[in-house]
């Protein structure tokens, strides 16, 4: 568990934040407070690891805490009243957290039980630079393969489109090689690649990939340039503002492109201006209603309410379907799930 506790984070700042939460929100239950402490620990690990590692484990732990702890805490402590009834928490707080707390803790422990000293996540920048010097065209080949795969993936069925989607990520590997393997930052490939994902996100009205690859880009740039704490805090708050704006606008934006408007910067800007005129992007009530975007706990509470009272335990049947689809060839399992099927 070296990567969970024997790491260089600011424990003083952590304790100050923990005390401030207790003082500012004295009505919090101990369930909510304990969940916030775990989430805060994961966020600190993620924040302070940036500069030295590609923080995959810390990112997964932070996302899990965001969805299973932060969202539910906000819901149970007042935001549920702004929520559509189907997205509200269906069981009492104590019942939910008696399941969620041990589940998330075990998930985090599973991430780190064999992590050693984050093997595989600490890039050797010197060796990457040497490798890039020895293979100067490789990064550009990866970028080309990634772009080509993204372009042709839509012409294939669901069985192959996901393969091309994965191959499309090669362009990001290529640009990260260019960043870490060269003394000067090559802006043109960076602008082209991130410009393309911005345009594709606007075109589809889907922003998850954009935000994920922005986090990865920030991690790679931090490894290269080693920014100070103030720059990291500025980048963090800028990213949070970006996420809030996207979350507040994407529902209206999708409706606009669904009615025939083009999925581009102009439409997004128009939606932003319209939202500003009708209460603003940072209106508390609309932000509160958007809590469902980070609160996946309501799904767990619906399951708790439904199983086994209305639907019997599956006893692993769905898991067996997934394992069959993953490991058995169709020759042996002709009826196994296809890509895109629902279990």
C-alpha atoms as a PDB file:
ATOM      1  CA  UNK A   1       0.000   0.000   0.000  1.00  0.00           C
ATOM      2  CA  UNK A   2       3.038   2.253  -0.508  1.00  0.00           C
ATOM      3  CA  UNK A   3       1.211   4.275  -3.184  1.00  0.00           C
ATOM      4  CA  UNK A   4      -1.705   5.074  -0.869  1.00  0.00           C
ATOM      5  CA  UNK A   5       0.051   6.305   2.258  1.00  0.00           C
ATOM      6  CA  UNK A   6       3.817   6.642   1.803  1.00  0.00           C
ATOM      7  CA  UNK A   7       3.532   9.395  -0.769  1.00  0.00           C
ATOM      8  CA  UNK A   8       4.488  13.039  -0.760  1.00  0.00           C
ATOM      9  CA  UNK A   9       1.254  14.987  -0.240  1.00  0.00           C
ATOM     10  CA  UNK A  10       0.625  17.998   1.961  1.00  0.00           C
ATOM     11  CA  UNK A  11      -0.907  16.329   5.021  1.00  0.00           C
ATOM     12  CA  UNK A  12      -1.172  19.699   6.772  1.00  0.00           C
ATOM     13  CA  UNK A  13      -3.389  21.051   3.994  1.00  0.00           C
ATOM     14  CA  UNK A  14      -5.390  17.816   4.114  1.00  0.00           C
ATOM     15  CA  UNK A  15      -6.047  18.235   7.840  1.00  0.00           C
ATOM     16  CA  UNK A  16      -7.016  21.895   7.372  1.00  0.00           C
ATOM     17  CA  UNK A  17      -9.514  20.906   4.659  1.00  0.00           C
ATOM     18  CA  UNK A  18     -10.909  18.121   6.861  1.00  0.00           C
ATOM     19  CA  UNK A  19     -11.435  20.531   9.776  1.00  0.00           C
ATOM     20  CA  UNK A  20     -12.942  23.209   7.514  1.00  0.00           C
ATOM     21  CA  UNK A  21     -15.495  20.720   6.155  1.00  0.00           C
ATOM     22  CA  UNK A  22     -16.496  19.845   9.714  1.00  0.00           C
ATOM     23  CA  UNK A  23     -16.796  23.506  10.744  1.00  0.00           C
ATOM     24  CA  UNK A  24     -18.609  24.716   7.626  1.00  0.00           C
ATOM     25  CA  UNK A  25     -21.037  21.801   7.449  1.00  0.00           C
ATOM     26  CA  UNK A  26     -21.724  20.733  11.044  1.00  0.00           C
ATOM     27  CA  UNK A  27     -24.936  18.932  10.067  1.00  0.00           C
ATOM     28  CA  UNK A  28     -23.084  16.343   7.974  1.00  0.00           C
ATOM     29  CA  UNK A  29     -23.593  12.789   9.129  1.00  0.00           C
ATOM     30  CA  UNK A  30     -20.530  10.735   9.974  1.00  0.00           C
ATOM     31  CA  UNK A  31     -21.231   8.620   6.905  1.00  0.00           C
ATOM     32  CA  UNK A  32     -20.999  11.668   4.645  1.00  0.00           C
ATOM     33  CA  UNK A  33     -18.003  13.085   6.484  1.00  0.00           C
ATOM     34  CA  UNK A  34     -16.039   9.842   6.286  1.00  0.00           C
ATOM     35  CA  UNK A  35     -16.873   9.551   2.565  1.00  0.00           C
ATOM     36  CA  UNK A  36     -15.621  13.109   2.001  1.00  0.00           C
ATOM     37  CA  UNK A  37     -12.370  12.365   3.851  1.00  0.00           C
ATOM     38  CA  UNK A  38     -11.680   9.362   1.617  1.00  0.00           C
ATOM     39  CA  UNK A  39     -12.519  11.383  -1.497  1.00  0.00           C
ATOM     40  CA  UNK A  40     -10.306  14.248  -0.324  1.00  0.00           C
ATOM     41  CA  UNK A  41      -7.416  11.818   0.174  1.00  0.00           C
ATOM     42  CA  UNK A  42      -7.816  10.512  -3.386  1.00  0.00           C
ATOM     43  CA  UNK A  43      -7.988  14.049  -4.798  1.00  0.00           C
ATOM     44  CA  UNK A  44      -4.816  15.018  -2.918  1.00  0.00           C
ATOM     45  CA  UNK A  45      -3.029  11.916  -4.204  1.00  0.00           C
ATOM     46  CA  UNK A  46      -4.040  12.810  -7.765  1.00  0.00           C
ATOM     47  CA  UNK A  47      -3.084  16.479  -7.448  1.00  0.00           C
ATOM     48  CA  UNK A  48       0.324  15.910  -5.874  1.00  0.00           C
ATOM     49  CA  UNK A  49       1.218  12.973  -8.131  1.00  0.00           C
ATOM     50  CA  UNK A  50       0.943  15.184 -11.204  1.00  0.00           C
ATOM     51  CA  UNK A  51       4.508  16.292 -12.061  1.00  0.00           C
ATOM     52  CA  UNK A  52       6.009  12.830 -11.687  1.00  0.00           C
ATOM     53  CA  UNK A  53       3.613  10.096 -12.885  1.00  0.00           C
ATOM     54  CA  UNK A  54       0.855   9.312 -15.358  1.00  0.00           C
ATOM     55  CA  UNK A  55      -1.702   9.012 -12.535  1.00  0.00           C
ATOM     56  CA  UNK A  56      -3.978   6.250 -13.842  1.00  0.00           C
ATOM     57  CA  UNK A  57      -4.622   4.651 -10.437  1.00  0.00           C
ATOM     58  CA  UNK A  58      -5.180   7.979  -8.699  1.00  0.00           C
ATOM     59  CA  UNK A  59      -7.448   9.115 -11.525  1.00  0.00           C
ATOM     60  CA  UNK A  60      -9.595   5.979 -11.249  1.00  0.00           C
ATOM     61  CA  UNK A  61      -9.800   6.343  -7.473  1.00  0.00           C
ATOM     62  CA  UNK A  62     -10.770  10.010  -7.774  1.00  0.00           C
ATOM     63  CA  UNK A  63     -13.450   9.309 -10.374  1.00  0.00           C
ATOM     64  CA  UNK A  64     -14.924   6.542  -8.220  1.00  0.00           C
ATOM     65  CA  UNK A  65     -15.032   8.825  -5.174  1.00  0.00           C
ATOM     66  CA  UNK A  66     -16.554  11.633  -7.227  1.00  0.00           C
ATOM     67  CA  UNK A  67     -19.375   9.440  -8.482  1.00  0.00           C
ATOM     68  CA  UNK A  68     -20.004   7.251  -5.436  1.00  0.00           C
ATOM     69  CA  UNK A  69     -19.193   9.691  -2.602  1.00  0.00           C
ATOM     70  CA  UNK A  70     -19.266  13.366  -3.625  1.00  0.00           C
ATOM     71  CA  UNK A  71     -22.433  13.187  -5.738  1.00  0.00           C
ATOM     72  CA  UNK A  72     -24.393  11.175  -3.138  1.00  0.00           C
ATOM     73  CA  UNK A  73     -23.201  13.408  -0.262  1.00  0.00           C
ATOM     74  CA  UNK A  74     -24.466  16.467  -2.142  1.00  0.00           C
ATOM     75  CA  UNK A  75     -27.740  14.688  -2.899  1.00  0.00           C
ATOM     76  CA  UNK A  76     -28.366  13.590   0.680  1.00  0.00           C
ATOM     77  CA  UNK A  77     -27.490  17.031   2.019  1.00  0.00           C
ATOM     78  CA  UNK A  78     -29.958  19.133   0.073  1.00  0.00           C
ATOM     79  CA  UNK A  79     -29.470  18.873  -3.676  1.00  0.00           C
ATOM     80  CA  UNK A  80     -31.927  16.012  -4.166  1.00  0.00           C
ATOM     81  CA  UNK A  81     -34.818  18.473  -3.846  1.00  0.00           C
ATOM     82  CA  UNK A  82     -33.777  20.036  -7.176  1.00  0.00           C
ATOM     83  CA  UNK A  83     -33.531  16.655  -8.871  1.00  0.00           C
ATOM     84  CA  UNK A  84     -36.024  14.866 -11.091  1.00  0.00           C
ATOM     85  CA  UNK A  85     -37.654  12.197  -8.917  1.00  0.00           C
ATOM     86  CA  UNK A  86     -36.254   9.285 -10.945  1.00  0.00           C
ATOM     87  CA  UNK A  87     -32.702  10.480 -10.217  1.00  0.00           C
ATOM     88  CA  UNK A  88     -33.153  10.938  -6.475  1.00  0.00           C
ATOM     89  CA  UNK A  89     -31.596   8.628  -3.889  1.00  0.00           C
ATOM     90  CA  UNK A  90     -34.077   5.842  -3.129  1.00  0.00           C
ATOM     91  CA  UNK A  91     -32.789   4.543   0.214  1.00  0.00           C
ATOM     92  CA  UNK A  92     -31.716   6.265   3.464  1.00  0.00           C
ATOM     93  CA  UNK A  93     -28.201   7.680   3.703  1.00  0.00           C
ATOM     94  CA  UNK A  94     -27.039   5.080   6.241  1.00  0.00           C
ATOM     95  CA  UNK A  95     -28.223   2.214   4.036  1.00  0.00           C
ATOM     96  CA  UNK A  96     -26.466   3.562   0.944  1.00  0.00           C
ATOM     97  CA  UNK A  97     -23.149   4.344   2.606  1.00  0.00           C
ATOM     98  CA  UNK A  98     -23.090   1.045   4.496  1.00  0.00           C
ATOM     99  CA  UNK A  99     -22.678  -0.490   1.035  1.00  0.00           C
ATOM    100  CA  UNK A 100     -20.795   2.252  -0.837  1.00  0.00           C
ATOM    101  CA  UNK A 101     -18.072   2.905   1.748  1.00  0.00           C
ATOM    102  CA  UNK A 102     -16.685  -0.658   1.938  1.00  0.00           C
ATOM    103  CA  UNK A 103     -17.208  -1.155  -1.815  1.00  0.00           C
ATOM    104  CA  UNK A 104     -15.190   1.920  -2.803  1.00  0.00           C
ATOM    105  CA  UNK A 105     -12.524   1.281  -0.155  1.00  0.00           C
ATOM    106  CA  UNK A 106     -12.021  -2.242  -1.509  1.00  0.00           C
ATOM    107  CA  UNK A 107     -11.905  -0.879  -5.069  1.00  0.00           C
ATOM    108  CA  UNK A 108      -9.157   1.577  -4.088  1.00  0.00           C
ATOM    109  CA  UNK A 109      -7.223  -1.096  -2.198  1.00  0.00           C
ATOM    110  CA  UNK A 110      -7.473  -3.331  -5.253  1.00  0.00           C
ATOM    111  CA  UNK A 111      -5.947  -0.583  -7.387  1.00  0.00           C
ATOM    112  CA  UNK A 112      -2.934  -0.289  -5.097  1.00  0.00           C
ATOM    113  CA  UNK A 113      -2.401  -3.722  -3.562  1.00  0.00           C
ATOM    114  CA  UNK A 114       0.200  -4.651  -6.187  1.00  0.00           C
ATOM    115  CA  UNK A 115       1.176  -1.174  -7.381  1.00  0.00           C
ATOM    116  CA  UNK A 116       4.632  -1.256  -5.725  1.00  0.00           C
ATOM    117  CA  UNK A 117       5.992   2.236  -6.511  1.00  0.00           C
ATOM    118  CA  UNK A 118       3.561   2.937  -9.358  1.00  0.00           C
ATOM    119  CA  UNK A 119       5.379   0.604 -11.727  1.00  0.00           C
ATOM    120  CA  UNK A 120       4.530   1.479 -15.306  1.00  0.00           C
ATOM    121  CA  UNK A 121       3.190   4.933 -14.462  1.00  0.00           C
ATOM    122  CA  UNK A 122       6.493   6.736 -13.865  1.00  0.00           C
ATOM    123  CA  UNK A 123       7.864   7.616 -17.309  1.00  0.00           C
ATOM    124  CA  UNK A 124      11.621   7.654 -17.833  1.00  0.00           C
ATOM    125  CA  UNK A 125      11.835  10.919 -19.762  1.00  0.00           C
ATOM    126  CA  UNK A 126      15.505  10.398 -20.622  1.00  0.00           C
ATOM    127  CA  UNK A 127      14.855   6.992 -22.194  1.00  0.00           C
ATOM    128  CA  UNK A 128      11.805   8.347 -24.023  1.00  0.00           C
ATOM    129  CA  UNK A 129      13.959  11.134 -25.478  1.00  0.00           C
ATOM    130  CA  UNK A 130      16.587   8.595 -26.573  1.00  0.00           C
ATOM    131  CA  UNK A 131      13.918   6.366 -28.112  1.00  0.00           C
ATOM    132  CA  UNK A 132      12.358   9.311 -29.960  1.00  0.00           C
ATOM    133  CA  UNK A 133      15.774  10.319 -31.298  1.00  0.00           C
ATOM    134  CA  UNK A 134      16.373   6.770 -32.557  1.00  0.00           C
ATOM    135  CA  UNK A 135      12.902   6.606 -34.148  1.00  0.00           C
ATOM    136  CA  UNK A 136      12.099  10.193 -35.174  1.00  0.00           C
ATOM    137  CA  UNK A 137       9.194   9.256 -37.467  1.00  0.00           C
ATOM    138  CA  UNK A 138       7.402   6.871 -35.097  1.00  0.00           C
ATOM    139  CA  UNK A 139       5.390   9.581 -33.332  1.00  0.00           C
ATOM    140  CA  UNK A 140       4.123  10.893 -36.671  1.00  0.00           C
ATOM    141  CA  UNK A 141       3.227   7.369 -37.798  1.00  0.00           C
ATOM    142  CA  UNK A 142       1.207   6.912 -34.616  1.00  0.00           C
ATOM    143  CA  UNK A 143      -0.545  10.230 -35.210  1.00  0.00           C
ATOM    144  CA  UNK A 144      -1.342   9.181 -38.784  1.00  0.00           C
ATOM    145  CA  UNK A 145      -2.628   5.756 -37.711  1.00  0.00           C
ATOM    146  CA  UNK A 146      -4.756   7.388 -35.030  1.00  0.00           C
ATOM    147  CA  UNK A 147      -6.311   9.900 -37.411  1.00  0.00           C
ATOM    148  CA  UNK A 148      -6.876   7.258 -40.086  1.00  0.00           C
ATOM    149  CA  UNK A 149      -8.556   4.888 -37.627  1.00  0.00           C
ATOM    150  CA  UNK A 150     -10.826   7.644 -36.326  1.00  0.00           C
ATOM    151  CA  UNK A 151     -11.884   8.531 -39.861  1.00  0.00           C
ATOM    152  CA  UNK A 152     -12.664   5.003 -41.097  1.00  0.00           C
ATOM    153  CA  UNK A 153     -14.136   3.603 -37.863  1.00  0.00           C
ATOM    154  CA  UNK A 154     -17.594   4.938 -38.639  1.00  0.00           C
ATOM    155  CA  UNK A 155     -17.817   2.870 -41.837  1.00  0.00           C
ATOM    156  CA  UNK A 156     -17.755  -0.450 -39.957  1.00  0.00           C
ATOM    157  CA  UNK A 157     -20.282  -2.237 -37.768  1.00  0.00           C
ATOM    158  CA  UNK A 158     -20.211  -2.272 -33.984  1.00  0.00           C
ATOM    159  CA  UNK A 159     -17.971  -5.375 -33.935  1.00  0.00           C
ATOM    160  CA  UNK A 160     -15.086  -3.477 -35.577  1.00  0.00           C
ATOM    161  CA  UNK A 161     -15.843   0.170 -34.839  1.00  0.00           C
ATOM    162  CA  UNK A 162     -14.649  -0.162 -31.240  1.00  0.00           C
ATOM    163  CA  UNK A 163     -11.326  -1.600 -32.465  1.00  0.00           C
ATOM    164  CA  UNK A 164     -10.839   1.460 -34.655  1.00  0.00           C
ATOM    165  CA  UNK A 165     -11.885   3.671 -31.741  1.00  0.00           C
ATOM    166  CA  UNK A 166      -9.061   2.168 -29.670  1.00  0.00           C
ATOM    167  CA  UNK A 167      -6.585   2.515 -32.544  1.00  0.00           C
ATOM    168  CA  UNK A 168      -7.652   6.149 -32.839  1.00  0.00           C
ATOM    169  CA  UNK A 169      -6.047   6.767 -29.449  1.00  0.00           C
ATOM    170  CA  UNK A 170      -2.649   6.177 -31.082  1.00  0.00           C
ATOM    171  CA  UNK A 171      -2.607   9.829 -32.150  1.00  0.00           C
ATOM    172  CA  UNK A 172      -2.459  10.878 -28.507  1.00  0.00           C
ATOM    173  CA  UNK A 173       0.388   8.441 -27.842  1.00  0.00           C
ATOM    174  CA  UNK A 174       2.194  10.026 -30.775  1.00  0.00           C
ATOM    175  CA  UNK A 175       1.761  13.588 -29.554  1.00  0.00           C
ATOM    176  CA  UNK A 176       2.798  12.612 -26.015  1.00  0.00           C
ATOM    177  CA  UNK A 177       5.986  11.090 -27.468  1.00  0.00           C
ATOM    178  CA  UNK A 178       6.645  14.401 -29.221  1.00  0.00           C
ATOM    179  CA  UNK A 179       6.124  16.317 -25.968  1.00  0.00           C
ATOM    180  CA  UNK A 180       8.339  14.131 -23.771  1.00  0.00           C
ATOM    181  CA  UNK A 181      10.916  13.232 -26.413  1.00  0.00           C
ATOM    182  CA  UNK A 182      11.842  16.732 -27.592  1.00  0.00           C
ATOM    183  CA  UNK A 183      13.341  19.720 -25.837  1.00  0.00           C
ATOM    184  CA  UNK A 184      10.960  22.152 -27.531  1.00  0.00           C
ATOM    185  CA  UNK A 185       7.198  21.804 -27.445  1.00  0.00           C
ATOM    186  CA  UNK A 186       5.866  21.030 -30.924  1.00  0.00           C
ATOM    187  CA  UNK A 187       2.720  23.138 -30.985  1.00  0.00           C
ATOM    188  CA  UNK A 188       1.405  22.359 -34.474  1.00  0.00           C
ATOM    189  CA  UNK A 189       0.741  18.602 -33.929  1.00  0.00           C
ATOM    190  CA  UNK A 190      -0.681  19.426 -30.491  1.00  0.00           C
ATOM    191  CA  UNK A 191      -3.072  22.038 -31.897  1.00  0.00           C
ATOM    192  CA  UNK A 192      -4.150  19.771 -34.762  1.00  0.00           C
ATOM    193  CA  UNK A 193      -4.884  16.780 -32.524  1.00  0.00           C
ATOM    194  CA  UNK A 194      -6.665  18.648 -29.754  1.00  0.00           C
ATOM    195  CA  UNK A 195      -8.417  20.867 -32.274  1.00  0.00           C
ATOM    196  CA  UNK A 196      -9.762  17.724 -33.936  1.00  0.00           C
ATOM    197  CA  UNK A 197     -11.104  16.267 -30.688  1.00  0.00           C
ATOM    198  CA  UNK A 198     -12.715  19.610 -29.802  1.00  0.00           C
ATOM    199  CA  UNK A 199     -14.456  19.660 -33.188  1.00  0.00           C
ATOM    200  CA  UNK A 200     -15.529  16.009 -32.959  1.00  0.00           C
ATOM    201  CA  UNK A 201     -16.839  16.578 -29.414  1.00  0.00           C
ATOM    202  CA  UNK A 202     -18.839  19.600 -30.562  1.00  0.00           C
ATOM    203  CA  UNK A 203     -20.124  17.674 -33.575  1.00  0.00           C
ATOM    204  CA  UNK A 204     -21.374  14.755 -31.484  1.00  0.00           C
ATOM    205  CA  UNK A 205     -22.316  16.691 -28.351  1.00  0.00           C
ATOM    206  CA  UNK A 206     -20.213  14.213 -26.341  1.00  0.00           C
ATOM    207  CA  UNK A 207     -17.389  15.650 -24.226  1.00  0.00           C
ATOM    208  CA  UNK A 208     -16.120  12.728 -22.123  1.00  0.00           C
ATOM    209  CA  UNK A 209     -13.165  11.946 -24.404  1.00  0.00           C
ATOM    210  CA  UNK A 210     -12.176  15.610 -24.581  1.00  0.00           C
ATOM    211  CA  UNK A 211     -12.050  15.960 -20.793  1.00  0.00           C
ATOM    212  CA  UNK A 212     -10.213  12.651 -20.341  1.00  0.00           C
ATOM    213  CA  UNK A 213      -7.518  13.508 -22.875  1.00  0.00           C
ATOM    214  CA  UNK A 214      -7.159  17.013 -21.424  1.00  0.00           C
ATOM    215  CA  UNK A 215      -6.347  15.398 -18.060  1.00  0.00           C
ATOM    216  CA  UNK A 216      -3.778  13.139 -19.734  1.00  0.00           C
ATOM    217  CA  UNK A 217      -2.283  16.108 -21.602  1.00  0.00           C
ATOM    218  CA  UNK A 218      -1.996  18.053 -18.352  1.00  0.00           C
ATOM    219  CA  UNK A 219      -0.215  15.104 -16.723  1.00  0.00           C
ATOM    220  CA  UNK A 220       2.286  14.801 -19.586  1.00  0.00           C
ATOM    221  CA  UNK A 221       2.959  18.552 -19.701  1.00  0.00           C
ATOM    222  CA  UNK A 222       3.450  18.576 -15.922  1.00  0.00           C
ATOM    223  CA  UNK A 223       6.022  15.766 -16.181  1.00  0.00           C
ATOM    224  CA  UNK A 224       7.919  17.742 -18.798  1.00  0.00           C
ATOM    225  CA  UNK A 225       7.777  21.253 -17.293  1.00  0.00           C
ATOM    226  CA  UNK A 226       7.372  20.551 -13.527  1.00  0.00           C
ATOM    227  CA  UNK A 227       4.994  23.452 -12.740  1.00  0.00           C
ATOM    228  CA  UNK A 228       4.757  24.902  -9.250  1.00  0.00           C
ATOM    229  CA  UNK A 229       1.807  24.588  -6.901  1.00  0.00           C
ATOM    230  CA  UNK A 230       0.243  27.909  -7.975  1.00  0.00           C
ATOM    231  CA  UNK A 231       0.228  26.976 -11.658  1.00  0.00           C
ATOM    232  CA  UNK A 232      -1.257  23.573 -10.826  1.00  0.00           C
ATOM    233  CA  UNK A 233      -3.988  25.202  -8.725  1.00  0.00           C
ATOM    234  CA  UNK A 234      -4.753  27.642 -11.538  1.00  0.00           C
ATOM    235  CA  UNK A 235      -4.989  24.786 -14.039  1.00  0.00           C
ATOM    236  CA  UNK A 236      -7.206  22.824 -11.638  1.00  0.00           C
ATOM    237  CA  UNK A 237      -9.695  25.662 -11.151  1.00  0.00           C
ATOM    238  CA  UNK A 238      -9.729  26.374 -14.901  1.00  0.00           C
ATOM    239  CA  UNK A 239     -10.499  22.716 -15.585  1.00  0.00           C
ATOM    240  CA  UNK A 240     -13.276  22.671 -12.969  1.00  0.00           C
ATOM    241  CA  UNK A 241     -14.845  25.784 -14.548  1.00  0.00           C
ATOM    242  CA  UNK A 242     -14.638  24.142 -17.976  1.00  0.00           C
ATOM    243  CA  UNK A 243     -16.351  21.001 -16.666  1.00  0.00           C
ATOM    244  CA  UNK A 244     -19.124  23.046 -15.010  1.00  0.00           C
ATOM    245  CA  UNK A 245     -19.744  25.046 -18.199  1.00  0.00           C
ATOM    246  CA  UNK A 246     -19.882  21.884 -20.331  1.00  0.00           C
ATOM    247  CA  UNK A 247     -22.186  20.109 -17.878  1.00  0.00           C
ATOM    248  CA  UNK A 248     -24.521  23.103 -17.731  1.00  0.00           C
ATOM    249  CA  UNK A 249     -24.693  23.605 -21.483  1.00  0.00           C
ATOM    250  CA  UNK A 250     -24.476  20.171 -23.049  1.00  0.00           C
ATOM    251  CA  UNK A 251     -28.142  19.257 -22.542  1.00  0.00           C
ATOM    252  CA  UNK A 252     -29.367  22.421 -24.291  1.00  0.00           C
ATOM    253  CA  UNK A 253     -26.564  22.126 -26.851  1.00  0.00           C
ATOM    254  CA  UNK A 254     -27.599  18.561 -27.775  1.00  0.00           C
ATOM    255  CA  UNK A 255     -31.185  19.740 -28.200  1.00  0.00           C
ATOM    256  CA  UNK A 256     -29.965  22.494 -30.528  1.00  0.00           C
ATOM    257  CA  UNK A 257     -27.984  20.159 -32.795  1.00  0.00           C
ATOM    258  CA  UNK A 258     -30.864  17.662 -32.637  1.00  0.00           C
ATOM    259  CA  UNK A 259     -33.114  20.350 -34.139  1.00  0.00           C
ATOM    260  CA  UNK A 260     -30.717  20.862 -37.041  1.00  0.00           C
ATOM    261  CA  UNK A 261     -28.151  23.396 -35.818  1.00  0.00           C
ATOM    262  CA  UNK A 262     -24.564  22.638 -36.728  1.00  0.00           C
ATOM    263  CA  UNK A 263     -22.405  21.095 -34.033  1.00  0.00           C
ATOM    264  CA  UNK A 264     -19.717  23.748 -33.899  1.00  0.00           C
ATOM    265  CA  UNK A 265     -18.227  26.565 -31.848  1.00  0.00           C
ATOM    266  CA  UNK A 266     -20.816  29.082 -33.062  1.00  0.00           C
ATOM    267  CA  UNK A 267     -23.755  26.979 -31.842  1.00  0.00           C
ATOM    268  CA  UNK A 268     -22.021  26.335 -28.524  1.00  0.00           C
ATOM    269  CA  UNK A 269     -21.422  30.083 -28.120  1.00  0.00           C
ATOM    270  CA  UNK A 270     -25.060  30.849 -28.941  1.00  0.00           C
ATOM    271  CA  UNK A 271     -26.237  28.313 -26.358  1.00  0.00           C
ATOM    272  CA  UNK A 272     -23.910  29.878 -23.780  1.00  0.00           C
ATOM    273  CA  UNK A 273     -25.291  33.367 -24.471  1.00  0.00           C
ATOM    274  CA  UNK A 274     -28.896  32.133 -24.283  1.00  0.00           C
ATOM    275  CA  UNK A 275     -28.188  30.389 -20.979  1.00  0.00           C
ATOM    276  CA  UNK A 276     -26.596  33.545 -19.596  1.00  0.00           C
ATOM    277  CA  UNK A 277     -29.742  35.462 -20.499  1.00  0.00           C
ATOM    278  CA  UNK A 278     -32.012  32.992 -18.694  1.00  0.00           C
ATOM    279  CA  UNK A 279     -30.349  32.787 -15.307  1.00  0.00           C
ATOM    280  CA  UNK A 280     -26.707  32.122 -16.085  1.00  0.00           C
ATOM    281  CA  UNK A 281     -24.419  29.112 -16.329  1.00  0.00           C
ATOM    282  CA  UNK A 282     -23.471  29.352 -12.659  1.00  0.00           C
ATOM    283  CA  UNK A 283     -27.028  29.530 -11.335  1.00  0.00           C
ATOM    284  CA  UNK A 284     -27.089  27.495  -8.106  1.00  0.00           C
ATOM    285  CA  UNK A 285     -30.348  25.728  -8.857  1.00  0.00           C
ATOM    286  CA  UNK A 286     -29.254  24.581 -12.322  1.00  0.00           C
ATOM    287  CA  UNK A 287     -25.883  23.440 -10.972  1.00  0.00           C
ATOM    288  CA  UNK A 288     -27.669  21.518  -8.234  1.00  0.00           C
ATOM    289  CA  UNK A 289     -29.939  19.835 -10.773  1.00  0.00           C
ATOM    290  CA  UNK A 290     -26.821  18.755 -12.684  1.00  0.00           C
ATOM    291  CA  UNK A 291     -25.557  16.803  -9.677  1.00  0.00           C
ATOM    292  CA  UNK A 292     -26.887  13.675 -11.393  1.00  0.00           C
ATOM    293  CA  UNK A 293     -23.918  13.944 -13.778  1.00  0.00           C
ATOM    294  CA  UNK A 294     -21.530  13.034 -10.983  1.00  0.00           C
ATOM    295  CA  UNK A 295     -23.938  11.089  -8.771  1.00  0.00           C
ATOM    296  CA  UNK A 296     -23.952   7.455  -9.832  1.00  0.00           C
ATOM    297  CA  UNK A 297     -25.064   6.460  -6.364  1.00  0.00           C
ATOM    298  CA  UNK A 298     -28.716   6.862  -7.341  1.00  0.00           C
ATOM    299  CA  UNK A 299     -28.272   3.835  -9.650  1.00  0.00           C
ATOM    300  CA  UNK A 300     -27.036   1.778  -6.695  1.00  0.00           C
ATOM    301  CA  UNK A 301     -30.011   2.874  -4.603  1.00  0.00           C
ATOM    302  CA  UNK A 302     -32.419   1.838  -7.357  1.00  0.00           C
ATOM    303  CA  UNK A 303     -30.768  -1.585  -7.422  1.00  0.00           C
ATOM    304  CA  UNK A 304     -31.070  -1.807  -3.634  1.00  0.00           C
ATOM    305  CA  UNK A 305     -34.751  -0.969  -3.914  1.00  0.00           C
ATOM    306  CA  UNK A 306     -35.364  -3.488  -6.694  1.00  0.00           C
ATOM    307  CA  UNK A 307     -33.192  -6.529  -5.862  1.00  0.00           C
ATOM    308  CA  UNK A 308     -34.278  -8.960  -4.498  1.00  0.00           C
ATOM    309  CA  UNK A 309     -37.744  -7.555  -3.639  1.00  0.00           C
ATOM    310  CA  UNK A 310     -38.851  -7.185  -7.267  1.00  0.00           C
ATOM    311  CA  UNK A 311     -36.081  -8.889  -9.260  1.00  0.00           C
ATOM    312  CA  UNK A 312     -34.276 -11.973  -7.910  1.00  0.00           C
ATOM    313  CA  UNK A 313     -30.507 -12.139  -7.488  1.00  0.00           C
ATOM    314  CA  UNK A 314     -28.791 -13.021 -10.776  1.00  0.00           C
ATOM    315  CA  UNK A 315     -26.246 -15.239  -8.976  1.00  0.00           C
ATOM    316  CA  UNK A 316     -23.502 -14.294 -11.415  1.00  0.00           C
ATOM    317  CA  UNK A 317     -25.461 -14.985 -14.625  1.00  0.00           C
ATOM    318  CA  UNK A 318     -24.638 -11.593 -16.155  1.00  0.00           C
ATOM    319  CA  UNK A 319     -20.973 -11.932 -15.233  1.00  0.00           C
ATOM    320  CA  UNK A 320     -20.870 -15.322 -16.966  1.00  0.00           C
ATOM    321  CA  UNK A 321     -22.351 -13.727 -20.097  1.00  0.00           C
ATOM    322  CA  UNK A 322     -19.604 -11.113 -20.088  1.00  0.00           C
ATOM    323  CA  UNK A 323     -16.844 -13.672 -19.508  1.00  0.00           C
ATOM    324  CA  UNK A 324     -18.223 -15.831 -22.313  1.00  0.00           C
ATOM    325  CA  UNK A 325     -18.235 -12.845 -24.682  1.00  0.00           C
ATOM    326  CA  UNK A 326     -14.696 -11.880 -23.689  1.00  0.00           C
ATOM    327  CA  UNK A 327     -12.916 -15.232 -23.825  1.00  0.00           C
ATOM    328  CA  UNK A 328     -14.834 -17.747 -25.958  1.00  0.00           C
ATOM    329  CA  UNK A 329     -14.703 -17.686 -29.785  1.00  0.00           C
ATOM    330  CA  UNK A 330     -18.044 -17.521 -31.567  1.00  0.00           C
ATOM    331  CA  UNK A 331     -17.398 -21.019 -32.951  1.00  0.00           C
ATOM    332  CA  UNK A 332     -17.796 -22.394 -29.421  1.00  0.00           C
ATOM    333  CA  UNK A 333     -20.343 -19.827 -28.186  1.00  0.00           C
ATOM    334  CA  UNK A 334     -22.420 -18.843 -31.252  1.00  0.00           C
ATOM    335  CA  UNK A 335     -24.960 -16.899 -29.162  1.00  0.00           C
ATOM    336  CA  UNK A 336     -22.486 -14.846 -27.150  1.00  0.00           C
ATOM    337  CA  UNK A 337     -22.982 -11.097 -26.842  1.00  0.00           C
ATOM    338  CA  UNK A 338     -21.998  -8.816 -29.708  1.00  0.00           C
ATOM    339  CA  UNK A 339     -20.422  -5.387 -29.336  1.00  0.00           C
ATOM    340  CA  UNK A 340     -23.146  -2.961 -28.302  1.00  0.00           C
ATOM    341  CA  UNK A 341     -25.501  -5.658 -27.000  1.00  0.00           C
ATOM    342  CA  UNK A 342     -27.250  -5.133 -23.671  1.00  0.00           C
ATOM    343  CA  UNK A 343     -27.021  -7.845 -21.032  1.00  0.00           C
END
